[in-house]
């Protein structure tokens, strides 16, 4: 669905030159001693103007993420339509008083975020934000000039000043013509020291997605703040968040709407850290000893190896053919999921569950996970960390009874992963065509194939908490993303045998979705990707045991 919202503007008023020079890599929010303030304004239902759909949802989602990255509730002022308290209704008077008061109250070292989502118009070439009580008979007296907000920001003593404006292109008065007013086209260039990110270029539309119940760009801003935009050190910087949101928005609107929406950046580009994903660096361990081998006869046959006194249960995935990717008719299908026939000429063993924290710690001597529990999946491990873990496991194979001759541990290729996940099925999930958090650990607020919302646990669950697929493999959908061996790239054309992914690249594939993924991102064919040094609390791994 086309979103009637024009622009999502992210404006960063940079601190003094001296302050910027002290930290060219960005300044951690946690390192700033001052207060963190936020003024959040979202309007769907106007007294006289056309209604919007998800402006209020977008603002409330942003509010929740600001809480999580350190904004105290007493410093967050949320003015939305339908508020139970009259003082929190987004009238012109309330908005102006709150903005003026908070910006005057803010001191050096403080952070102020102002977010405005709703209708916007131009009056005599001046961009203005519409309030709850805006009407066509008195436009000037019932709207807020964006330029006035810019000026107020410039006067404020706060060190960091961030502004988010979401305002529509369409005529908010419907078919009625209002003297001096027209649809908002663009804002003036940001003042010196301001960074401006627009959700689309002039002449394009910002899109809303009914299945997300949000604007597409805001949705990916929120997902980025939840950790998907973190760098290899676990830091979510402003520029990483911007880059992530631009890429994901372009891809989503192209795949879902066959439309062009290109967020872009204007003004200065000084960076700073918005939040951190906690990381505990892994540390080493050593050992040695000989093998022997079962002869699997059927798909899903079970084999258990004991390494460092920890049991690893595997399921047999026989040689075979399957259709990788999905049909164009599949809901939420992405451009990179093109169907093609794959032949896997050799069978392999796949770990029955995601690698647990007990498994990881017994070999690596440390546990980097955010959510602690020996039977929870290990997370906050990078692709590079996984290679070190696998190398250590392989050094222990010689002393492990029952190991099939000539087999070694590895991450599965992307083709092996999807083959094992599907286990002979062709539906979006290996258990069918719907998911809302009932059959896998995901964000049930964003269901797939059904309008019924399910639970969102906001954490990982113990491996094996949900039913296994036909080959006895648990949690192939949700809980944590699973790293694959491949570089991310386009699929090969036609029939392929034992594909190993793109020969080179900068991003590694991850599959299966996670505890904070929408249900649609947990589909068998959905492809994720991340920097191989990224450590996020939604990414773990699953081992394969393959013949060399």
Protein backbone atom coordinates (compact mmCIF):
# COMPACT_ATOMS: atom_id res chain seq x y z
CA UNK A 1 0.00 0.00 0.00
CA UNK A 2 1.25 3.48 -0.81
CA UNK A 3 1.98 5.53 2.22
CA UNK A 4 0.69 9.09 2.15
CA UNK A 5 3.73 10.13 4.14
CA UNK A 6 6.45 12.06 2.35
CA UNK A 7 9.53 12.34 4.43
CA UNK A 8 11.24 10.71 7.33
CA UNK A 9 13.88 13.25 8.22
CA UNK A 10 16.72 12.45 10.53
CA UNK A 11 18.55 15.63 11.47
CA UNK A 12 21.63 15.57 13.62
CA UNK A 13 22.82 18.84 15.08
CA UNK A 14 26.50 18.11 15.62
CA UNK A 15 28.34 19.20 18.71
CA UNK A 16 31.15 21.73 18.56
CA UNK A 17 34.12 21.14 16.23
CA UNK A 18 36.41 20.51 19.17
CA UNK A 19 34.05 17.88 20.56
CA UNK A 20 33.80 16.17 17.14
CA UNK A 21 37.59 16.12 16.78
CA UNK A 22 37.97 14.36 20.10
CA UNK A 23 36.03 11.35 18.78
CA UNK A 24 36.15 10.96 15.03
CA UNK A 25 34.71 7.45 15.33
CA UNK A 26 31.56 8.62 17.13
CA UNK A 27 30.59 9.41 20.68
CA UNK A 28 28.83 6.74 22.74
CA UNK A 29 25.44 7.77 24.06
CA UNK A 30 26.35 6.07 27.30
CA UNK A 31 29.48 8.21 27.55
CA UNK A 32 27.47 11.45 27.60
CA UNK A 33 26.88 12.46 31.21
CA UNK A 34 23.77 14.53 30.52
CA UNK A 35 20.09 13.76 30.22
CA UNK A 36 18.37 12.12 27.23
CA UNK A 37 15.11 13.82 26.22
CA UNK A 38 12.60 12.81 23.55
CA UNK A 39 9.50 14.58 22.20
CA UNK A 40 7.46 12.17 20.10
CA UNK A 41 4.40 13.29 18.11
CA UNK A 42 2.23 10.94 16.05
CA UNK A 43 -1.16 11.74 14.50
CA UNK A 44 -3.45 9.39 12.58
CA UNK A 45 -6.89 10.83 13.37
CA UNK A 46 -7.32 14.54 12.71
CA UNK A 47 -10.33 16.68 13.58
CA UNK A 48 -10.75 17.93 9.99
CA UNK A 49 -8.02 16.36 7.80
CA UNK A 50 -7.81 13.02 6.02
CA UNK A 51 -6.84 10.17 8.34
CA UNK A 52 -3.48 8.39 8.22
CA UNK A 53 -2.87 4.74 9.12
CA UNK A 54 0.38 4.10 10.95
CA UNK A 55 1.87 7.45 12.04
CA UNK A 56 0.92 6.70 15.66
CA UNK A 57 2.27 3.13 15.41
CA UNK A 58 5.59 4.43 14.06
CA UNK A 59 6.00 6.92 16.89
CA UNK A 60 5.12 4.38 19.58
CA UNK A 61 7.55 1.82 18.12
CA UNK A 62 10.29 4.46 18.12
CA UNK A 63 9.41 5.40 21.71
CA UNK A 64 9.81 1.78 22.86
CA UNK A 65 13.26 1.51 21.26
CA UNK A 66 14.40 4.77 22.84
CA UNK A 67 13.44 3.35 26.24
CA UNK A 68 15.61 0.32 25.50
CA UNK A 69 18.70 2.38 24.56
CA UNK A 70 18.65 4.45 27.73
CA UNK A 71 15.97 7.15 27.54
CA UNK A 72 14.21 7.34 30.90
CA UNK A 73 10.40 7.37 30.72
CA UNK A 74 10.15 10.60 32.71
CA UNK A 75 12.18 12.37 29.99
CA UNK A 76 10.08 11.06 27.09
CA UNK A 77 7.07 13.20 26.10
CA UNK A 78 4.71 11.30 23.80
CA UNK A 79 1.85 13.28 22.23
CA UNK A 80 -0.48 11.13 20.14
CA UNK A 81 -4.08 11.17 18.95
CA UNK A 82 -6.39 9.13 21.17
CA UNK A 83 -4.31 9.78 24.29
CA UNK A 84 -6.30 9.22 27.49
CA UNK A 85 -4.79 12.38 29.01
CA UNK A 86 -5.79 15.70 27.47
CA UNK A 87 -2.30 17.14 28.08
CA UNK A 88 -0.83 14.50 25.75
CA UNK A 89 -3.05 15.30 22.75
CA UNK A 90 -0.96 16.70 19.84
CA UNK A 91 -2.57 20.11 19.53
CA UNK A 92 -0.55 23.07 18.23
CA UNK A 93 -0.43 24.61 21.70
CA UNK A 94 0.78 21.41 23.43
CA UNK A 95 3.40 20.67 20.78
CA UNK A 96 4.88 24.17 20.85
CA UNK A 97 4.99 24.35 24.66
CA UNK A 98 6.70 20.95 25.01
CA UNK A 99 9.28 21.62 22.26
CA UNK A 100 10.12 25.08 23.58
CA UNK A 101 10.31 23.95 27.23
CA UNK A 102 12.44 20.85 26.65
CA UNK A 103 14.89 22.60 24.31
CA UNK A 104 15.31 25.44 26.81
CA UNK A 105 15.71 22.96 29.68
CA UNK A 106 18.40 20.91 27.88
CA UNK A 107 21.98 21.69 28.82
CA UNK A 108 25.39 20.99 27.33
CA UNK A 109 25.98 17.24 27.29
CA UNK A 110 22.25 16.46 26.90
CA UNK A 111 20.55 14.70 24.00
CA UNK A 112 17.21 15.86 22.59
CA UNK A 113 15.19 13.88 20.05
CA UNK A 114 12.09 15.40 18.42
CA UNK A 115 9.98 13.08 16.24
CA UNK A 116 6.94 14.31 14.32
CA UNK A 117 4.83 11.92 12.24
CA UNK A 118 1.68 13.05 10.43
CA UNK A 119 0.43 15.38 7.70
CA UNK A 120 2.52 18.22 6.30
CA UNK A 121 1.75 21.01 3.86
CA UNK A 122 3.41 23.97 2.21
CA UNK A 123 2.01 27.46 2.69
CA UNK A 124 3.59 30.09 0.47
CA UNK A 125 6.66 27.89 0.03
CA UNK A 126 7.08 27.26 3.79
CA UNK A 127 6.96 23.67 5.08
CA UNK A 128 4.56 23.26 8.01
CA UNK A 129 3.55 20.34 10.23
CA UNK A 130 -0.19 19.78 10.73
CA UNK A 131 -1.49 19.36 14.28
CA UNK A 132 -4.53 17.59 15.66
CA UNK A 133 -6.63 20.76 15.36
CA UNK A 134 -5.40 21.97 11.94
CA UNK A 135 -8.23 23.25 9.74
CA UNK A 136 -8.52 24.76 6.29
CA UNK A 137 -10.09 27.99 7.50
CA UNK A 138 -7.08 29.00 9.57
CA UNK A 139 -4.04 27.10 8.30
CA UNK A 140 -1.35 29.46 9.57
CA UNK A 141 -2.72 29.53 13.12
CA UNK A 142 -3.13 25.75 13.40
CA UNK A 143 0.12 24.43 11.86
CA UNK A 144 3.74 24.53 13.01
CA UNK A 145 6.46 25.92 10.70
CA UNK A 146 9.31 23.43 10.45
CA UNK A 147 11.67 26.37 10.14
CA UNK A 148 10.65 27.53 13.64
CA UNK A 149 11.56 24.11 15.03
CA UNK A 150 14.94 24.32 13.23
CA UNK A 151 15.54 27.71 14.85
CA UNK A 152 14.60 26.45 18.30
CA UNK A 153 17.04 23.56 17.90
CA UNK A 154 19.86 25.90 16.92
CA UNK A 155 19.32 27.99 20.06
CA UNK A 156 19.30 25.00 22.39
CA UNK A 157 22.43 24.23 24.43
CA UNK A 158 21.99 20.46 24.08
CA UNK A 159 25.01 18.66 22.67
CA UNK A 160 23.10 16.20 20.49
CA UNK A 161 19.90 17.26 18.73
CA UNK A 162 18.05 14.78 16.60
CA UNK A 163 14.85 15.54 14.67
CA UNK A 164 12.52 13.12 12.94
CA UNK A 165 9.74 14.50 10.72
CA UNK A 166 7.30 12.33 8.77
CA UNK A 167 4.93 14.44 6.67
CA UNK A 168 2.74 13.63 3.67
CA UNK A 169 2.88 14.69 0.00
CA UNK A 170 -0.85 14.32 -0.66
CA UNK A 171 -3.35 17.10 -0.01
CA UNK A 172 -4.50 16.49 3.60
CA UNK A 173 -7.71 18.44 2.90
CA UNK A 174 -8.88 15.88 0.34
CA UNK A 175 -10.47 17.42 -2.74
CA UNK A 176 -10.97 20.75 -1.05
CA UNK A 177 -8.71 23.59 -2.19
CA UNK A 178 -7.32 25.75 0.61
CA UNK A 179 -6.03 29.20 -0.27
CA UNK A 180 -2.25 29.46 -0.02
CA UNK A 181 -1.78 25.74 0.87
CA UNK A 182 -0.38 22.91 -1.27
CA UNK A 183 0.99 19.41 -0.77
CA UNK A 184 4.41 19.36 0.88
CA UNK A 185 7.15 18.79 -1.70
CA UNK A 186 10.43 19.13 0.16
CA UNK A 187 12.12 20.87 3.04
CA UNK A 188 14.83 23.48 2.71
CA UNK A 189 18.42 22.34 3.08
CA UNK A 190 19.29 21.71 6.70
CA UNK A 191 21.17 24.46 8.57
CA UNK A 192 24.92 24.18 9.05
CA UNK A 193 25.81 21.36 11.40
CA UNK A 194 22.65 19.39 10.64
CA UNK A 195 22.35 15.96 9.06
CA UNK A 196 19.14 15.25 7.13
CA UNK A 197 17.91 11.83 6.04
CA UNK A 198 14.78 11.73 3.87
CA UNK A 199 12.81 8.52 3.46
CA UNK A 200 12.43 9.09 -0.29
CA UNK A 201 13.53 11.40 -3.05
CA UNK A 202 11.34 14.14 -4.47
CA UNK A 203 8.68 12.67 -6.73
CA UNK A 204 8.69 9.30 -4.91
CA UNK A 205 6.36 8.04 -2.19
CA UNK A 206 7.06 6.62 1.24
CA UNK A 207 5.28 3.31 1.59
CA UNK A 208 3.34 1.74 4.43
CA UNK A 209 3.00 -2.03 4.64
CA UNK A 210 -0.26 -3.43 5.98
CA UNK A 211 1.46 -6.65 7.10
CA UNK A 212 3.97 -4.64 9.16
CA UNK A 213 1.41 -2.12 10.46
CA UNK A 214 4.13 0.50 10.00
CA UNK A 215 5.80 2.66 7.43
CA UNK A 216 8.50 0.57 5.73
CA UNK A 217 11.35 2.99 6.50
CA UNK A 218 10.37 3.41 10.16
CA UNK A 219 10.05 -0.35 10.47
CA UNK A 220 13.67 -0.81 9.45
CA UNK A 221 14.86 2.05 11.65
CA UNK A 222 13.29 0.19 14.57
CA UNK A 223 14.76 -3.16 13.48
CA UNK A 224 18.15 -1.51 13.15
CA UNK A 225 17.92 -0.12 16.69
CA UNK A 226 16.99 -3.60 17.90
CA UNK A 227 20.46 -4.76 16.84
CA UNK A 228 20.30 -5.56 13.13
CA UNK A 229 22.35 -2.44 12.29
CA UNK A 230 25.14 -3.16 14.78
CA UNK A 231 28.73 -3.24 13.55
CA UNK A 232 31.41 -5.85 14.28
CA UNK A 233 32.03 -4.29 17.71
CA UNK A 234 28.36 -4.42 18.63
CA UNK A 235 27.89 -0.66 18.22
CA UNK A 236 24.82 0.82 16.54
CA UNK A 237 26.12 4.06 15.08
CA UNK A 238 23.91 6.64 13.43
CA UNK A 239 25.50 6.11 10.01
CA UNK A 240 25.26 2.31 10.27
CA UNK A 241 21.59 2.70 11.16
CA UNK A 242 21.07 5.02 8.19
CA UNK A 243 22.88 2.66 5.79
CA UNK A 244 20.95 -0.39 7.03
CA UNK A 245 17.60 1.43 6.77
CA UNK A 246 18.31 2.70 3.24
CA UNK A 247 19.27 -0.75 1.91
CA UNK A 248 16.38 -2.58 3.57
CA UNK A 249 13.79 0.05 2.53
CA UNK A 250 14.87 -0.01 -1.11
CA UNK A 251 14.82 -3.80 -1.21
CA UNK A 252 11.46 -4.10 0.59
CA UNK A 253 9.57 -1.60 -1.57
CA UNK A 254 11.03 -3.09 -4.76
CA UNK A 255 10.18 -6.66 -3.78
CA UNK A 256 6.75 -5.99 -2.24
CA UNK A 257 5.41 -3.09 -4.31
CA UNK A 258 7.60 -3.06 -7.44
CA UNK A 259 8.20 0.57 -6.62
CA UNK A 260 11.14 2.87 -6.03
CA UNK A 261 11.72 4.41 -2.62
CA UNK A 262 15.24 5.72 -2.11
CA UNK A 263 16.00 7.28 1.24
CA UNK A 264 18.95 9.67 0.98
CA UNK A 265 21.21 11.74 3.13
CA UNK A 266 21.91 15.49 3.02
CA UNK A 267 24.04 17.81 5.12
CA UNK A 268 26.97 16.97 7.37
CA UNK A 269 27.69 13.34 8.17
CA UNK A 270 29.31 13.30 11.59
CA UNK A 271 28.68 9.97 13.26
CA UNK A 272 28.10 8.87 16.86
CA UNK A 273 27.04 5.74 18.73
CA UNK A 274 23.33 5.39 19.48
CA UNK A 275 23.52 2.11 21.40
CA UNK A 276 25.72 -0.91 22.11
CA UNK A 277 25.08 -4.61 21.82
CA UNK A 278 26.97 -6.22 24.70
CA UNK A 279 29.80 -8.53 23.66
CA UNK A 280 31.90 -10.93 25.73
CA UNK A 281 34.99 -11.85 23.67
CA UNK A 282 35.64 -15.59 23.28
CA UNK A 283 38.76 -17.23 24.75
CA UNK A 284 40.57 -20.47 23.71
CA UNK A 285 40.89 -24.14 24.93
CA UNK A 286 42.83 -27.24 23.68
CA UNK A 287 42.53 -31.25 23.39
CA UNK A 288 43.04 -34.65 21.25
CA UNK A 289 41.97 -38.85 20.42
CA UNK A 290 39.98 -41.66 17.15
CA UNK A 291 36.82 -42.28 14.92
CA UNK A 292 34.27 -44.97 13.74
CA UNK A 293 31.15 -44.63 11.58
CA UNK A 294 27.43 -45.45 11.40
CA UNK A 295 25.87 -46.13 8.00
CA UNK A 296 22.68 -44.07 7.81
CA UNK A 297 19.87 -45.61 5.79
CA UNK A 298 17.04 -43.03 6.00
CA UNK A 299 16.45 -39.30 6.31
CA UNK A 300 16.35 -38.11 9.90
CA UNK A 301 18.34 -41.04 11.32
CA UNK A 302 19.92 -39.94 14.61
CA UNK A 303 23.58 -40.08 15.69
CA UNK A 304 25.05 -38.74 18.93
CA UNK A 305 28.66 -37.73 19.50
CA UNK A 306 30.08 -36.78 22.89
CA UNK A 307 32.66 -33.98 22.86
CA UNK A 308 34.10 -32.50 26.05
CA UNK A 309 31.41 -34.44 27.99
CA UNK A 310 28.64 -32.70 26.02
CA UNK A 311 26.28 -34.63 23.72
CA UNK A 312 25.82 -33.43 20.13
CA UNK A 313 22.82 -35.09 18.43
CA UNK A 314 22.81 -35.08 14.61
CA UNK A 315 20.21 -36.01 11.98
CA UNK A 316 21.02 -37.52 8.60
CA UNK A 317 20.20 -35.50 5.49
CA UNK A 318 20.51 -37.88 2.51
CA UNK A 319 21.67 -36.94 -1.01
CA UNK A 320 18.83 -35.59 -3.11
CA UNK A 321 17.25 -32.92 -5.30
CA UNK A 322 14.99 -30.05 -4.29
CA UNK A 323 13.67 -26.70 -5.51
CA UNK A 324 15.51 -23.93 -3.68
CA UNK A 325 13.87 -20.52 -3.35
CA UNK A 326 10.15 -19.94 -3.73
CA UNK A 327 7.45 -19.21 -6.32
CA UNK A 328 6.63 -15.61 -7.22
CA UNK A 329 3.21 -16.13 -5.62
CA UNK A 330 4.64 -16.59 -2.11
CA UNK A 331 3.72 -13.70 0.20
CA UNK A 332 6.65 -11.49 1.36
CA UNK A 333 8.85 -13.06 -1.34
CA UNK A 334 12.10 -11.16 -1.89
CA UNK A 335 13.82 -10.60 -5.22
CA UNK A 336 16.79 -12.80 -4.25
CA UNK A 337 14.70 -15.95 -3.61
CA UNK A 338 14.53 -17.08 -7.25
CA UNK A 339 13.51 -20.73 -7.62
CA UNK A 340 16.09 -23.11 -9.09
CA UNK A 341 16.77 -26.84 -8.90
CA UNK A 342 19.60 -27.99 -6.65
CA UNK A 343 21.18 -31.43 -6.50
CA UNK A 344 23.14 -32.36 -3.37
CA UNK A 345 25.26 -35.32 -4.42
CA UNK A 346 26.44 -36.19 -0.91
CA UNK A 347 24.53 -36.64 2.30
CA UNK A 348 25.51 -34.82 5.48
CA UNK A 349 24.70 -34.75 9.18
CA UNK A 350 22.97 -31.67 10.59
CA UNK A 351 22.99 -30.79 14.28
CA UNK A 352 19.54 -31.52 15.71
CA UNK A 353 19.40 -28.15 17.49
CA UNK A 354 21.10 -24.80 17.31
CA UNK A 355 24.48 -24.81 19.08
CA UNK A 356 23.77 -24.30 22.79
CA UNK A 357 25.68 -22.18 25.26
CA UNK A 358 26.85 -25.39 26.98
CA UNK A 359 28.32 -26.68 23.72
CA UNK A 360 30.03 -23.38 22.97
CA UNK A 361 31.44 -22.74 26.45
CA UNK A 362 32.77 -26.30 26.84
CA UNK A 363 35.00 -25.72 23.80
CA UNK A 364 35.66 -21.96 23.83
CA UNK A 365 35.85 -21.40 27.60
CA UNK A 366 33.51 -18.38 27.53
CA UNK A 367 29.89 -17.51 26.84
CA UNK A 368 29.22 -14.31 24.86
CA UNK A 369 25.40 -14.61 24.95
CA UNK A 370 22.99 -11.90 26.12
CA UNK A 371 20.37 -14.42 27.29
CA UNK A 372 22.00 -16.86 29.69
CA UNK A 373 21.10 -20.54 30.02
CA UNK A 374 23.04 -23.70 29.19
CA UNK A 375 20.26 -24.99 26.89
CA UNK A 376 19.60 -21.66 25.22
CA UNK A 377 21.21 -21.12 21.83
CA UNK A 378 24.54 -19.32 21.91
CA UNK A 379 24.27 -15.84 20.30
CA UNK A 380 26.39 -12.74 19.86
CA UNK A 381 28.85 -14.90 17.92
CA UNK A 382 30.23 -13.63 14.62
CA UNK A 383 30.81 -15.75 11.53
CA UNK A 384 34.52 -15.43 12.27
CA UNK A 385 33.98 -16.63 15.86
CA UNK A 386 32.14 -19.66 14.47
CA UNK A 387 35.14 -20.56 12.32
CA UNK A 388 37.35 -20.58 15.42
CA UNK A 389 34.83 -22.75 17.29
CA UNK A 390 34.60 -25.20 14.37
CA UNK A 391 38.38 -25.36 14.06
CA UNK A 392 38.64 -26.32 17.73
CA UNK A 393 35.86 -28.90 17.37
CA UNK A 394 37.63 -30.49 14.41
CA UNK A 395 40.83 -30.76 16.46
CA UNK A 396 38.83 -32.84 18.96
CA UNK A 397 37.35 -35.24 16.37
CA UNK A 398 40.32 -37.59 16.41
CA UNK A 399 39.53 -38.50 20.02
CA UNK A 400 35.75 -38.78 19.62
CA UNK A 401 34.23 -42.29 19.29
CA UNK A 402 31.61 -42.81 16.58
CA UNK A 403 32.70 -40.08 14.16
CA UNK A 404 32.03 -41.12 10.53
CA UNK A 405 35.29 -41.61 8.66
CA UNK A 406 36.30 -38.64 6.53
CA UNK A 407 33.72 -36.25 8.02
CA UNK A 408 34.46 -32.85 9.57
CA UNK A 409 32.45 -30.07 11.19
CA UNK A 410 31.45 -27.06 9.14
CA UNK A 411 28.78 -24.43 8.82
CA UNK A 412 26.18 -25.71 6.34
CA UNK A 413 26.14 -24.21 2.88
CA UNK A 414 23.04 -22.16 2.19
CA UNK A 415 21.71 -24.95 -0.06
CA UNK A 416 22.31 -27.59 2.63
CA UNK A 417 20.56 -25.38 5.17
CA UNK A 418 17.40 -24.88 3.09
CA UNK A 419 17.32 -28.55 2.05
CA UNK A 420 17.50 -29.62 5.71
CA UNK A 421 15.00 -26.96 6.80
CA UNK A 422 12.39 -27.95 4.21
CA UNK A 423 12.84 -31.71 4.82
CA UNK A 424 10.82 -32.44 1.69
CA UNK A 425 8.28 -29.60 2.03
CA UNK A 426 7.59 -26.74 -0.37
CA UNK A 427 5.42 -24.50 1.85
CA UNK A 428 6.71 -21.20 3.32
CA UNK A 429 7.54 -23.05 6.57
CA UNK A 430 8.32 -26.73 7.08
CA UNK A 431 5.12 -27.00 9.14
CA UNK A 432 2.81 -25.18 6.71
CA UNK A 433 1.90 -21.70 5.49
CA UNK A 434 1.16 -19.69 8.65
CA UNK A 435 3.17 -18.49 11.64
CA UNK A 436 2.37 -16.06 14.46
CA UNK A 437 4.76 -17.20 17.18
CA UNK A 438 2.87 -20.43 17.90
CA UNK A 439 5.18 -22.92 16.12
CA UNK A 440 8.45 -20.97 16.28
CA UNK A 441 9.99 -18.24 18.42
CA UNK A 442 9.49 -14.98 16.50
CA UNK A 443 7.72 -11.62 16.83
CA UNK A 444 4.08 -12.74 16.78
CA UNK A 445 2.95 -9.13 16.46
CA UNK A 446 3.79 -9.48 12.76
CA UNK A 447 2.21 -12.80 11.71
CA UNK A 448 2.46 -14.50 8.33
CA UNK A 449 -0.43 -16.08 6.44
CA UNK A 450 -2.91 -15.07 9.14
CA UNK A 451 -4.26 -11.88 10.66
CA UNK A 452 -4.18 -13.36 14.16
CA UNK A 453 -1.32 -11.98 16.24
CA UNK A 454 0.60 -14.31 18.52
CA UNK A 455 3.09 -14.02 21.32
CA UNK A 456 6.37 -12.12 21.26
CA UNK A 457 8.68 -13.47 23.98
CA UNK A 458 11.40 -10.81 23.46
CA UNK A 459 14.09 -13.44 24.18
CA UNK A 460 15.45 -16.77 23.04
CA UNK A 461 13.92 -20.06 24.18
CA UNK A 462 15.60 -23.37 25.06
CA UNK A 463 16.48 -25.33 21.95
CA UNK A 464 13.86 -27.91 21.07
CA UNK A 465 10.99 -25.98 22.66
CA UNK A 466 8.94 -26.18 19.44
CA UNK A 467 8.11 -29.26 17.30
CA UNK A 468 10.84 -30.66 15.04
CA UNK A 469 10.52 -30.94 11.26
CA UNK A 470 10.09 -34.23 9.39
CA UNK A 471 13.82 -34.98 9.71
CA UNK A 472 13.97 -34.33 13.45
CA UNK A 473 15.55 -30.87 13.27
CA UNK A 474 14.39 -28.25 15.78
CA UNK A 475 14.15 -24.44 15.51
CA UNK A 476 14.93 -24.19 11.81
CA UNK A 477 12.52 -21.25 11.96
CA UNK A 478 13.10 -18.51 14.55
CA UNK A 479 14.92 -18.39 17.91
CA UNK A 480 18.25 -17.25 16.40
CA UNK A 481 19.45 -16.69 12.85
CA UNK A 482 21.98 -19.36 11.81
CA UNK A 483 25.21 -18.49 10.00
CA UNK A 484 25.86 -20.34 6.73
CA UNK A 485 29.19 -20.94 5.00
CA UNK A 486 28.38 -18.88 1.90
CA UNK A 487 29.10 -15.33 0.83
CA UNK A 488 25.84 -13.56 0.03
CA UNK A 489 25.12 -13.13 -3.69
CA UNK A 490 22.57 -13.84 -6.41
CA UNK A 491 21.57 -17.46 -6.95
CA UNK A 492 23.00 -19.26 -10.00
CA UNK A 493 20.65 -19.80 -12.96
CA UNK A 494 19.30 -23.22 -14.00
CA UNK A 495 20.10 -26.58 -12.42
CA UNK A 496 23.10 -26.62 -10.06
CA UNK A 497 24.98 -29.38 -8.23
CA UNK A 498 26.41 -28.87 -4.73
CA UNK A 499 26.39 -25.04 -4.87
CA UNK A 500 28.69 -23.21 -2.47
CA UNK A 501 27.38 -19.68 -2.89
CA UNK A 502 29.03 -16.61 -4.36
CA UNK A 503 32.83 -16.96 -4.82
CA UNK A 504 33.43 -13.66 -3.00
CA UNK A 505 31.64 -10.85 -1.22
CA UNK A 506 31.49 -8.70 1.89
CA UNK A 507 28.47 -10.25 3.64
CA UNK A 508 27.86 -13.78 4.90
CA UNK A 509 24.49 -15.51 4.67
CA UNK A 510 22.34 -16.17 7.73
CA UNK A 511 19.12 -18.17 7.65
CA UNK A 512 15.96 -18.94 9.61
CA UNK A 513 15.00 -15.70 11.35
CA UNK A 514 15.19 -15.02 15.08
CA UNK A 515 13.23 -14.25 18.23
CA UNK A 516 12.81 -10.60 17.16
CA UNK A 517 12.09 -11.29 13.46
CA UNK A 518 8.73 -10.85 11.78
CA UNK A 519 7.19 -14.23 10.94
CA UNK A 520 7.77 -13.55 7.22
CA UNK A 521 11.52 -13.30 7.81
CA UNK A 522 11.51 -16.86 9.25
CA UNK A 523 10.34 -18.51 5.99
CA UNK A 524 12.33 -21.47 4.59
CA UNK A 525 13.45 -19.41 1.57
CA UNK A 526 14.11 -16.06 3.28
CA UNK A 527 17.76 -14.95 3.01
CA UNK A 528 19.47 -12.79 5.60
CA UNK A 529 23.01 -11.48 5.49
CA UNK A 530 25.46 -9.68 7.79
CA UNK A 531 29.07 -8.59 8.03
CA UNK A 532 31.06 -11.71 9.06
CA UNK A 533 32.38 -9.84 12.11
CA UNK A 534 28.89 -8.87 13.39
CA UNK A 535 27.94 -10.16 16.83
CA UNK A 536 24.21 -9.78 17.49
CA UNK A 537 21.88 -11.29 20.08
CA UNK A 538 19.69 -12.65 17.28
CA UNK A 539 22.42 -14.65 15.48
CA UNK A 540 23.83 -18.07 16.41
CA UNK A 541 24.75 -21.19 14.47
CA UNK A 542 24.00 -24.83 13.68
CA UNK A 543 26.71 -27.33 12.77
CA UNK A 544 26.85 -29.70 9.84
CA UNK A 545 29.12 -32.73 9.67
CA UNK A 546 30.21 -33.16 6.06
CA UNK A 547 32.49 -35.50 4.13
CA UNK A 548 35.73 -33.92 3.01
